[in-house]
Amino acid sequence: MIIGDNMSYVIMCAGEGKRWNNYLGIPKHLVEINGETLLERTTRLLKENGITNYIITSSDERYKQYGETKEQSHKDCEIDRFEEIESNEICYLYGDVYYTEETIKTIINNKTENILFFGSEWEIFAIKVKNKKLFFEHKNKVKELYLKGELNRCIGWEIYRSLHNIPFEEHKITEDYIKILDDTDDIDFPEDYEKFKKEKEDYKNFFRIIIPVYDSEYIEDCIKSIEDQTFKDYKIIAVNDQCTDNTFEKVKEMAKKYDNIICLQPTKKLFIGGARNYGLHYEFKTRYTLYMDNDDWFNDKYVLEELHKHLVKHNFPDCARLPYVCLRDNVRNFVGVAESNPKDLVNSLVIAPWTKCVKSSLVVDFPENTMIEDVVQHIAQVDNIETVSAFDKAVNVWNRNNKKSASLKENQATLLNGKRISSVYRNIADLMDLQCKHDYCEEHRQWRINCYKNLVREGKEETF
């Protein structure tokens, strides 16, 4: 809740809606996305953040159910939507915008002594006005120029340009503008709505984080590092791979405290690849998929927030490449992987699935019932994507202090030795069966097969 916020919020809904053309027989502010109208969502988010002093500019009776309404005083041109009310401080919100929770918080929490704009590169989502006199001077100046025929349009961008002495014909963002880099967007045309609605209904959360769980003293650290994230639009999917101790009981106890943990219980041991698949196939739609091992944790509490911003900024790539921190004997080493195209990515020797954030619609299954699951899946996964962006911050901490880890070479000679050997041959067979559509993936597949065949001939299976 915001304490001492003197702003009055105006949700602007009095436009003519020419581009909307009465699609579906209702104003665009009243269309539903995930069972909630745009106006209902905006007013709900305001109230959830302690804002109750808002009005809706509209004469339509249907709008009254969402709060106090006010008829717009003038309708000479589009810029008249910025209604002057008695309050000394005004925040203008656009009624046709789908606001995320993060954006509403950003708008509310950022203060100004003059005028502050919020929006994307091309769309303004909100304008916060502390200096009313200055704002309406420029608003009226723009309106006058438009009515004289000296401007082709008069909207919020013209006020911004007038305030900052930017030529009206030039698109330029300088100061007093906070960039919004998330799913917030405005809906102008029916096709905008249909596309946006489909995207929103295709996933319930932005991230899902899949964790195979098996006998880990670090499981609470692992999950706590996720729950501490500043970005909250995610679900944790924890899959019990037949724990022999109380590790999964700890997960279930944490799920009682946090409502974003989904606990899954297969009936047999799947090994890590099968456990990941079990989580992947659980019917919960998200935009992106992340993996985490149960003895690792996120590097800091801003990881998901920064990764989300990166994905939005890079226009939602198929895959983001994730650097990490390697922790051994309390020494932290940053591992900066930076491949930004599929060819370089498939040829990298850093193949762990938690070094990739992949669109959930494009994820590829892992080999099951094997201890070597990541090689084949890495090639198949890269073969299924087209765009890659390189994130520049460490996401996971790869915990090499876990003396029981199967990935430690000192354990691999003795740990489930028979299973380890069978997994080596299974890995070669899976590689031979894999069919690649991209030449660079096929070349890497052949290279891997030849390398492994040579190691088997030399009796060095333990080096896999």
Protein backbone atom coordinates (compact mmCIF):
# COMPACT_ATOMS: atom_id res chain seq x y z
CA MET A 1 0.00 0.00 0.00
CA ILE A 2 1.23 3.49 -0.84
CA ILE A 3 1.12 5.79 2.17
CA GLY A 4 0.59 9.51 1.62
CA ASP A 5 0.06 9.36 -2.14
CA ASN A 6 -1.64 12.66 -3.03
CA MET A 7 -2.16 11.76 -6.66
CA SER A 8 -5.60 11.50 -8.17
CA TYR A 9 -5.73 8.86 -10.88
CA VAL A 10 -7.71 9.42 -14.07
CA ILE A 11 -8.46 6.37 -16.23
CA MET A 12 -9.16 7.77 -19.68
CA CYS A 13 -12.03 5.90 -21.38
CA ALA A 14 -13.87 8.63 -23.33
CA GLY A 15 -12.24 8.18 -26.74
CA GLU A 16 -14.34 7.66 -29.87
CA GLY A 17 -12.78 4.25 -30.58
CA LYS A 18 -12.69 4.68 -34.36
CA ARG A 19 -9.97 2.06 -34.82
CA TRP A 20 -11.89 -0.35 -32.59
CA ASN A 21 -15.04 0.07 -34.71
CA ASN A 22 -17.37 -1.34 -32.00
CA TYR A 23 -15.81 -4.79 -32.32
CA LEU A 24 -17.81 -7.43 -30.41
CA GLY A 25 -20.45 -4.75 -29.79
CA ILE A 26 -18.65 -3.34 -26.72
CA PRO A 27 -16.01 -0.65 -26.03
CA LYS A 28 -12.46 -1.96 -25.97
CA HIS A 29 -12.07 -1.06 -22.29
CA LEU A 30 -14.67 -3.74 -21.51
CA VAL A 31 -13.19 -6.65 -23.47
CA GLU A 32 -12.04 -9.59 -21.38
CA ILE A 33 -8.59 -11.11 -21.09
CA ASN A 34 -8.39 -14.18 -18.85
CA GLY A 35 -11.94 -13.53 -17.58
CA GLU A 36 -11.31 -9.91 -16.56
CA THR A 37 -12.07 -6.72 -18.48
CA LEU A 38 -9.26 -4.24 -19.10
CA LEU A 39 -10.96 -1.66 -16.88
CA GLU A 40 -11.65 -4.21 -14.16
CA ARG A 41 -7.99 -5.22 -14.17
CA THR A 42 -6.71 -1.64 -13.98
CA THR A 43 -8.99 -0.68 -11.09
CA ARG A 44 -8.21 -3.92 -9.25
CA LEU A 45 -4.46 -3.36 -9.52
CA LEU A 46 -4.84 0.21 -8.29
CA LYS A 47 -6.84 -0.87 -5.25
CA GLU A 48 -4.45 -3.73 -4.48
CA ASN A 49 -1.69 -1.11 -4.33
CA GLY A 50 -3.60 1.20 -1.99
CA ILE A 51 -5.02 3.58 -4.61
CA THR A 52 -8.73 4.35 -4.24
CA ASN A 53 -8.81 7.99 -5.36
CA TYR A 54 -9.42 7.40 -9.05
CA ILE A 55 -12.08 8.43 -11.55
CA ILE A 56 -13.03 7.06 -14.95
CA THR A 57 -13.70 9.56 -17.73
CA SER A 58 -16.76 8.18 -19.49
CA SER A 59 -20.48 8.89 -19.76
CA ASP A 60 -21.24 5.20 -20.40
CA GLU A 61 -23.40 3.74 -17.63
CA ARG A 62 -21.59 0.40 -17.90
CA TYR A 63 -18.43 1.94 -16.50
CA LYS A 64 -19.97 2.92 -13.16
CA GLN A 65 -19.59 -0.58 -11.75
CA TYR A 66 -15.82 -0.02 -11.70
CA GLY A 67 -15.81 3.27 -9.81
CA GLU A 68 -16.70 6.94 -9.98
CA THR A 69 -17.16 8.23 -13.53
CA LYS A 70 -16.94 11.71 -15.02
CA GLU A 71 -18.02 12.90 -18.43
CA GLN A 72 -15.20 14.39 -20.46
CA SER A 73 -15.63 18.19 -20.65
CA HIS A 74 -14.30 18.81 -24.17
CA LYS A 75 -14.06 16.58 -27.22
CA ASP A 76 -12.60 18.89 -29.84
CA CYS A 77 -9.70 16.55 -30.46
CA GLU A 78 -7.99 13.48 -29.00
CA ILE A 79 -5.80 15.43 -26.62
CA ASP A 80 -8.88 16.54 -24.68
CA ARG A 81 -8.79 13.12 -23.01
CA PHE A 82 -6.40 14.73 -20.51
CA GLU A 83 -9.21 16.04 -18.35
CA GLU A 84 -8.33 18.80 -15.90
CA ILE A 85 -9.71 17.96 -12.47
CA GLU A 86 -9.51 19.77 -9.14
CA SER A 87 -6.66 17.69 -7.76
CA ASN A 88 -3.24 19.37 -7.79
CA GLU A 89 -1.51 16.15 -8.77
CA ILE A 90 -2.85 13.86 -11.49
CA CYS A 91 -1.78 10.53 -12.95
CA TYR A 92 -3.37 9.75 -16.30
CA LEU A 93 -3.83 6.07 -17.14
CA TYR A 94 -5.05 4.83 -20.51
CA GLY A 95 -8.24 2.79 -20.39
CA ASP A 96 -7.26 0.61 -23.36
CA VAL A 97 -3.99 -0.61 -21.83
CA TYR A 98 -3.40 -4.05 -20.31
CA TYR A 99 -1.22 -3.18 -17.31
CA THR A 100 0.96 -5.75 -15.58
CA GLU A 101 1.23 -5.69 -11.81
CA GLU A 102 4.87 -4.63 -12.12
CA THR A 103 3.98 -1.66 -14.34
CA ILE A 104 1.27 -0.38 -11.99
CA LYS A 105 3.75 -0.56 -9.12
CA THR A 106 6.34 1.29 -11.22
CA ILE A 107 3.87 4.05 -12.05
CA ILE A 108 2.72 4.45 -8.45
CA ASN A 109 6.15 4.30 -6.82
CA ASN A 110 8.04 6.69 -9.12
CA LYS A 111 7.70 10.29 -7.98
CA THR A 112 8.18 13.49 -9.97
CA GLU A 113 8.36 17.22 -9.31
CA ASN A 114 7.15 18.07 -12.81
CA ILE A 115 5.83 15.61 -15.41
CA LEU A 116 6.83 11.99 -15.84
CA PHE A 117 5.92 9.71 -18.75
CA PHE A 118 5.75 5.90 -18.74
CA GLY A 119 5.68 3.72 -21.82
CA SER A 120 7.39 1.54 -24.38
CA GLU A 121 9.46 2.79 -27.28
CA TRP A 122 6.35 3.70 -29.27
CA GLU A 123 3.41 3.78 -26.85
CA ILE A 124 2.71 5.96 -23.80
CA PHE A 125 0.99 4.06 -20.99
CA ALA A 126 0.74 6.73 -18.27
CA ILE A 127 1.58 10.36 -17.52
CA LYS A 128 2.18 11.58 -13.99
CA VAL A 129 1.62 15.32 -13.51
CA LYS A 130 2.88 17.24 -10.48
CA ASN A 131 3.22 20.59 -12.27
CA LYS A 132 -0.32 21.05 -13.63
CA LYS A 133 0.32 24.55 -14.91
CA LEU A 134 3.23 23.43 -17.06
CA PHE A 135 1.39 20.37 -18.36
CA PHE A 136 -1.73 22.21 -19.45
CA GLU A 137 0.30 25.02 -21.00
CA HIS A 138 1.85 22.49 -23.36
CA LYS A 139 -1.36 20.55 -23.80
CA ASN A 140 -3.21 23.69 -24.88
CA LYS A 141 -0.32 24.75 -27.11
CA VAL A 142 -0.44 21.42 -28.92
CA LYS A 143 -4.23 21.60 -29.27
CA GLU A 144 -4.05 25.09 -30.73
CA LEU A 145 -1.45 24.04 -33.30
CA TYR A 146 -3.57 21.05 -34.27
CA LEU A 147 -6.75 23.07 -34.70
CA LYS A 148 -4.82 25.52 -36.89
CA GLY A 149 -3.79 22.63 -39.10
CA GLU A 150 -0.10 22.90 -38.20
CA LEU A 151 0.00 19.39 -36.65
CA ASN A 152 -1.29 16.14 -38.10
CA ARG A 153 -2.26 14.76 -34.70
CA CYS A 154 -2.40 15.78 -31.06
CA ILE A 155 -1.83 13.00 -28.53
CA GLY A 156 0.45 12.42 -25.57
CA TRP A 157 3.58 12.22 -27.70
CA GLU A 158 3.01 15.79 -28.90
CA ILE A 159 2.90 17.00 -25.30
CA TYR A 160 6.13 15.13 -24.58
CA ARG A 161 7.85 16.68 -27.60
CA SER A 162 6.60 20.15 -26.77
CA LEU A 163 7.85 19.83 -23.18
CA HIS A 164 11.32 18.74 -24.29
CA ASN A 165 11.73 20.95 -27.36
CA ILE A 166 11.77 17.97 -29.72
CA PRO A 167 10.58 18.63 -33.30
CA PHE A 168 7.03 17.31 -33.65
CA GLU A 169 7.95 15.23 -36.67
CA GLU A 170 10.83 13.50 -34.81
CA HIS A 171 10.41 10.43 -32.62
CA LYS A 172 12.92 10.80 -29.80
CA ILE A 173 12.90 9.90 -26.11
CA THR A 174 15.16 11.95 -23.86
CA GLU A 175 14.43 12.58 -20.18
CA ASP A 176 11.39 12.26 -17.88
CA TYR A 177 10.41 8.97 -19.52
CA ILE A 178 10.47 5.58 -17.79
CA LYS A 179 10.66 2.68 -20.21
CA ILE A 180 8.23 -0.17 -19.53
CA LEU A 181 9.76 -3.45 -20.71
CA ASP A 182 7.17 -6.10 -19.94
CA ASP A 183 3.83 -7.40 -21.25
CA THR A 184 2.04 -4.08 -20.73
CA ASP A 185 0.48 -3.05 -24.05
CA ASP A 186 -2.36 -1.01 -25.49
CA ILE A 187 -5.17 -2.38 -27.61
CA ASP A 188 -6.15 -0.22 -30.58
CA PHE A 189 -7.48 -2.60 -33.19
CA PRO A 190 -9.54 -5.81 -33.01
CA GLU A 191 -6.54 -7.79 -34.30
CA ASP A 192 -4.45 -6.39 -31.42
CA TYR A 193 -6.99 -7.77 -28.98
CA GLU A 194 -7.28 -11.20 -30.56
CA LYS A 195 -3.51 -11.64 -30.71
CA PHE A 196 -2.96 -10.37 -27.17
CA LYS A 197 -5.82 -12.44 -25.77
CA LYS A 198 -4.46 -15.62 -27.36
CA GLU A 199 -0.96 -14.98 -26.01
CA LYS A 200 -2.29 -14.38 -22.50
CA GLU A 201 -4.51 -17.44 -22.55
CA ASP A 202 -1.66 -19.60 -23.84
CA TYR A 203 0.20 -19.32 -20.54
CA LYS A 204 -0.71 -18.79 -16.90
CA ASN A 205 2.69 -17.61 -15.68
CA PHE A 206 5.78 -16.21 -17.34
CA PHE A 207 8.28 -18.76 -15.98
CA ARG A 208 8.07 -22.33 -14.76
CA ILE A 209 11.08 -23.66 -12.88
CA ILE A 210 11.38 -27.45 -12.98
CA ILE A 211 13.32 -29.11 -10.16
CA PRO A 212 13.94 -32.89 -10.03
CA VAL A 213 14.17 -33.69 -6.32
CA TYR A 214 16.37 -36.44 -4.88
CA ASP A 215 18.07 -36.60 -1.45
CA SER A 216 19.46 -33.07 -1.13
CA GLU A 217 20.61 -31.21 1.97
CA TYR A 218 20.39 -28.00 -0.08
CA ILE A 219 16.73 -28.22 -1.15
CA GLU A 220 15.52 -25.48 1.21
CA ASP A 221 18.25 -23.11 0.01
CA CYS A 222 17.31 -23.94 -3.56
CA ILE A 223 13.60 -23.17 -3.19
CA LYS A 224 14.12 -20.19 -0.87
CA SER A 225 16.34 -18.55 -3.50
CA ILE A 226 13.39 -18.73 -5.90
CA GLU A 227 10.79 -17.52 -3.41
CA ASP A 228 12.99 -14.53 -2.57
CA GLN A 229 12.85 -13.27 -6.17
CA THR A 230 11.51 -9.76 -6.73
CA PHE A 231 9.77 -10.99 -9.91
CA LYS A 232 6.84 -13.20 -8.86
CA ASP A 233 5.22 -14.37 -12.10
CA TYR A 234 6.41 -17.99 -11.93
CA LYS A 235 5.56 -21.48 -10.72
CA ILE A 236 7.93 -24.03 -9.21
CA ILE A 237 7.35 -27.62 -10.35
CA ALA A 238 9.09 -30.04 -7.98
CA VAL A 239 9.23 -33.69 -9.06
CA ASN A 240 10.03 -36.36 -6.48
CA ASP A 241 12.46 -38.83 -8.08
CA GLN A 242 11.96 -41.41 -5.31
CA CYS A 243 13.78 -39.67 -2.45
CA THR A 244 15.10 -42.05 0.21
CA ASP A 245 15.23 -39.37 2.93
CA ASN A 246 12.98 -36.47 3.99
CA THR A 247 13.99 -34.09 1.18
CA PHE A 248 10.62 -34.13 -0.56
CA GLU A 249 8.81 -33.79 2.76
CA LYS A 250 10.67 -30.48 3.18
CA VAL A 251 9.43 -29.43 -0.26
CA LYS A 252 5.83 -30.25 0.66
CA GLU A 253 6.16 -28.26 3.88
CA MET A 254 7.40 -25.24 1.89
CA ALA A 255 4.46 -25.70 -0.50
CA LYS A 256 2.13 -25.11 2.46
CA LYS A 257 3.75 -21.72 2.96
CA TYR A 258 4.10 -20.74 -0.72
CA ASP A 259 1.17 -21.25 -3.08
CA ASN A 260 3.35 -21.27 -6.20
CA ILE A 261 4.94 -24.70 -5.61
CA ILE A 262 3.48 -27.70 -7.44
CA CYS A 263 4.57 -31.05 -5.96
CA LEU A 264 4.51 -34.02 -8.34
CA GLN A 265 4.91 -37.66 -7.27
CA PRO A 266 5.76 -40.21 -10.04
CA THR A 267 5.23 -43.85 -9.14
CA LYS A 268 8.73 -45.00 -10.11
CA LYS A 269 12.26 -43.69 -10.34
CA LEU A 270 12.79 -41.72 -13.55
CA PHE A 271 16.31 -40.38 -13.05
CA ILE A 272 16.91 -36.70 -13.67
CA GLY A 273 15.90 -36.61 -17.35
CA GLY A 274 12.67 -38.48 -16.77
CA ALA A 275 11.86 -36.33 -13.75
CA ARG A 276 12.32 -33.20 -15.85
CA ASN A 277 10.02 -34.66 -18.51
CA TYR A 278 7.42 -35.43 -15.86
CA GLY A 279 7.47 -31.74 -14.91
CA LEU A 280 7.41 -30.63 -18.54
CA HIS A 281 4.34 -32.71 -19.30
CA TYR A 282 2.39 -31.44 -16.31
CA GLU A 283 -0.48 -29.36 -17.69
CA PHE A 284 0.59 -25.91 -16.61
CA LYS A 285 1.25 -23.40 -19.37
CA THR A 286 3.98 -20.81 -19.05
CA ARG A 287 5.86 -18.64 -21.50
CA TYR A 288 9.37 -19.81 -20.62
CA THR A 289 10.91 -22.84 -18.93
CA LEU A 290 13.89 -22.86 -16.57
CA TYR A 291 15.56 -25.85 -14.96
CA MET A 292 17.29 -26.03 -11.60
CA ASP A 293 19.07 -28.88 -9.85
CA ASN A 294 18.05 -29.44 -6.24
CA ASP A 295 21.49 -28.68 -4.84
CA ASP A 296 21.86 -25.33 -6.66
CA TRP A 297 20.24 -21.93 -6.16
CA PHE A 298 19.73 -18.55 -7.83
CA ASN A 299 22.65 -16.13 -7.65
CA ASP A 300 20.61 -13.24 -6.19
CA LYS A 301 17.02 -12.09 -5.72
CA TYR A 302 16.94 -10.02 -8.93
CA VAL A 303 17.70 -12.87 -11.35
CA LEU A 304 14.16 -13.39 -12.66
CA GLU A 305 13.40 -9.66 -12.80
CA GLU A 306 16.50 -8.96 -14.88
CA LEU A 307 15.98 -12.03 -17.07
CA HIS A 308 12.37 -11.00 -17.72
CA LYS A 309 13.49 -7.51 -18.78
CA HIS A 310 16.11 -9.08 -21.06
CA LEU A 311 13.58 -11.35 -22.77
CA VAL A 312 11.16 -8.47 -23.35
CA LYS A 313 13.93 -6.18 -24.61
CA HIS A 314 15.10 -8.84 -27.10
CA ASN A 315 11.57 -9.45 -28.40
CA PHE A 316 11.05 -12.82 -26.70
CA PRO A 317 13.78 -14.99 -28.24
CA ASP A 318 13.33 -18.75 -28.47
CA CYS A 319 16.18 -19.21 -26.02
CA ALA A 320 18.27 -17.09 -23.66
CA ARG A 321 21.79 -18.25 -22.85
CA LEU A 322 22.46 -18.03 -19.10
CA PRO A 323 25.83 -17.43 -17.42
CA TYR A 324 26.33 -18.92 -13.96
CA VAL A 325 28.59 -19.00 -10.92
CA CYS A 326 30.62 -22.12 -10.17
CA LEU A 327 31.02 -22.53 -6.41
CA ARG A 328 33.72 -24.88 -5.11
CA ASP A 329 35.33 -24.79 -1.66
CA ASN A 330 33.60 -21.45 -1.07
CA VAL A 331 35.32 -19.90 -4.10
CA ARG A 332 32.94 -18.31 -6.62
CA ASN A 333 33.91 -18.19 -10.29
CA PHE A 334 31.75 -16.48 -12.90
CA VAL A 335 31.26 -18.58 -16.04
CA GLY A 336 30.29 -16.24 -18.86
CA VAL A 337 28.61 -18.15 -21.66
CA ALA A 338 27.54 -15.71 -24.37
CA GLU A 339 26.44 -17.60 -27.48
CA SER A 340 23.83 -15.58 -29.38
CA ASN A 341 22.96 -17.89 -32.27
CA PRO A 342 22.01 -21.59 -32.50
CA LYS A 343 25.19 -22.67 -34.32
CA ASP A 344 27.50 -21.33 -31.63
CA LEU A 345 25.20 -22.64 -28.91
CA VAL A 346 25.08 -26.23 -30.13
CA ASN A 347 28.90 -26.31 -30.42
CA SER A 348 29.40 -25.12 -26.85
CA LEU A 349 30.68 -27.63 -24.33
CA VAL A 350 28.58 -25.96 -21.61
CA ILE A 351 25.37 -27.89 -22.17
CA ALA A 352 23.59 -28.05 -18.79
CA PRO A 353 19.86 -27.34 -19.25
CA TRP A 354 19.95 -24.71 -16.49
CA THR A 355 22.22 -22.61 -18.73
CA LYS A 356 19.30 -22.10 -21.12
CA CYS A 357 15.91 -20.42 -20.71
CA VAL A 358 13.66 -21.78 -23.46
CA LYS A 359 10.18 -20.92 -24.69
CA SER A 360 7.88 -23.52 -23.17
CA SER A 361 6.28 -24.18 -26.55
CA LEU A 362 9.68 -25.25 -27.91
CA VAL A 363 11.12 -27.40 -25.11
CA VAL A 364 12.37 -30.86 -26.04
CA ASP A 365 12.18 -33.98 -23.85
CA PHE A 366 15.21 -35.55 -22.18
CA PRO A 367 16.33 -39.18 -22.51
CA GLU A 368 14.85 -41.13 -19.60
CA ASN A 369 16.17 -43.86 -17.28
CA THR A 370 19.77 -42.81 -17.85
CA MET A 371 22.45 -40.90 -15.98
CA ILE A 372 23.60 -39.05 -19.10
CA GLU A 373 20.59 -37.07 -20.21
CA ASP A 374 21.86 -33.66 -21.22
CA VAL A 375 24.03 -34.27 -24.32
CA VAL A 376 21.32 -35.55 -26.67
CA GLN A 377 18.74 -33.11 -25.28
CA HIS A 378 21.10 -30.17 -25.79
CA ILE A 379 21.51 -30.92 -29.49
CA ALA A 380 17.82 -31.68 -30.00
CA GLN A 381 16.83 -28.52 -28.12
CA VAL A 382 19.05 -26.24 -30.15
CA ASP A 383 17.82 -27.93 -33.32
CA ASN A 384 14.29 -26.84 -32.32
CA ILE A 385 15.00 -23.10 -31.91
CA GLU A 386 15.82 -20.26 -34.28
CA THR A 387 16.70 -17.26 -32.10
CA VAL A 388 19.12 -16.99 -29.17
CA SER A 389 20.00 -14.03 -26.96
CA ALA A 390 22.90 -13.86 -24.54
CA PHE A 391 21.98 -12.79 -21.02
CA ASP A 392 24.86 -11.08 -19.23
CA LYS A 393 24.22 -11.86 -15.56
CA ALA A 394 24.82 -15.06 -13.60
CA VAL A 395 21.57 -16.91 -12.98
CA ASN A 396 22.36 -20.17 -11.15
CA VAL A 397 25.00 -20.98 -8.60
CA TRP A 398 26.38 -24.38 -9.59
CA ASN A 399 27.14 -25.92 -6.22
CA ARG A 400 30.29 -28.06 -6.44
CA ASN A 401 30.47 -28.31 -2.64
CA ASN A 402 27.92 -31.12 -2.71
CA LYS A 403 30.17 -34.13 -2.22
CA LYS A 404 27.36 -36.51 -3.21
CA SER A 405 26.79 -34.96 -6.63
CA ALA A 406 26.73 -37.44 -9.51
CA SER A 407 28.36 -34.82 -11.72
CA LEU A 408 31.59 -34.88 -9.68
CA LYS A 409 34.14 -37.00 -11.49
CA GLU A 410 35.41 -38.47 -8.21
CA ASN A 411 31.95 -40.03 -7.74
CA GLN A 412 31.38 -41.27 -11.26
CA ALA A 413 33.69 -44.29 -11.08
CA THR A 414 31.75 -45.80 -8.17
CA LEU A 415 28.32 -44.15 -8.17
CA LEU A 416 25.80 -46.66 -9.52
CA ASN A 417 28.66 -48.06 -11.60
CA GLY A 418 26.58 -50.47 -13.69
CA LYS A 419 24.01 -47.78 -14.42
CA ARG A 420 26.78 -45.37 -15.33
CA ILE A 421 28.28 -47.77 -17.88
CA SER A 422 24.91 -48.61 -19.42
CA SER A 423 24.18 -44.88 -19.64
CA VAL A 424 27.37 -44.35 -21.64
CA TYR A 425 26.25 -46.80 -24.33
CA ARG A 426 22.69 -45.53 -24.16
CA ASN A 427 24.01 -42.02 -24.81
CA ILE A 428 25.81 -43.15 -27.97
CA ALA A 429 22.72 -45.02 -29.16
CA ASP A 430 20.50 -41.98 -28.54
CA LEU A 431 22.92 -39.80 -30.48
CA MET A 432 22.90 -42.25 -33.38
CA ASP A 433 19.08 -42.27 -33.42
CA LEU A 434 18.77 -38.49 -33.24
CA GLN A 435 17.74 -36.81 -36.51
CA CYS A 436 18.69 -33.16 -36.96
CA LYS A 437 17.15 -30.69 -39.39
CA HIS A 438 19.93 -28.08 -39.17
CA ASP A 439 23.34 -28.84 -40.67
CA TYR A 440 25.23 -27.34 -37.71
CA CYS A 441 23.34 -29.63 -35.29
CA GLU A 442 23.98 -32.66 -37.50
CA GLU A 443 27.71 -31.85 -37.66
CA HIS A 444 27.88 -31.55 -33.88
CA ARG A 445 25.96 -34.81 -33.44
CA GLN A 446 28.48 -36.64 -35.64
CA TRP A 447 31.39 -35.06 -33.77
CA ARG A 448 29.95 -36.19 -30.42
CA ILE A 449 29.44 -39.75 -31.67
CA ASN A 450 33.03 -39.98 -32.91
CA CYS A 451 34.40 -38.58 -29.63
CA TYR A 452 32.44 -41.08 -27.54
CA LYS A 453 33.32 -44.02 -29.75
CA ASN A 454 37.00 -43.20 -29.34
CA LEU A 455 36.64 -42.95 -25.55
CA VAL A 456 34.92 -46.36 -25.44
CA ARG A 457 37.70 -47.91 -27.55
CA GLU A 458 40.22 -46.49 -25.09
CA GLY A 459 38.24 -47.76 -22.09
CA LYS A 460 37.61 -44.26 -20.76
CA GLU A 461 33.84 -44.46 -20.20
CA GLU A 462 34.21 -42.72 -16.86
CA THR A 463 35.27 -39.50 -18.61
CA PHE A 464 31.85 -39.01 -20.22
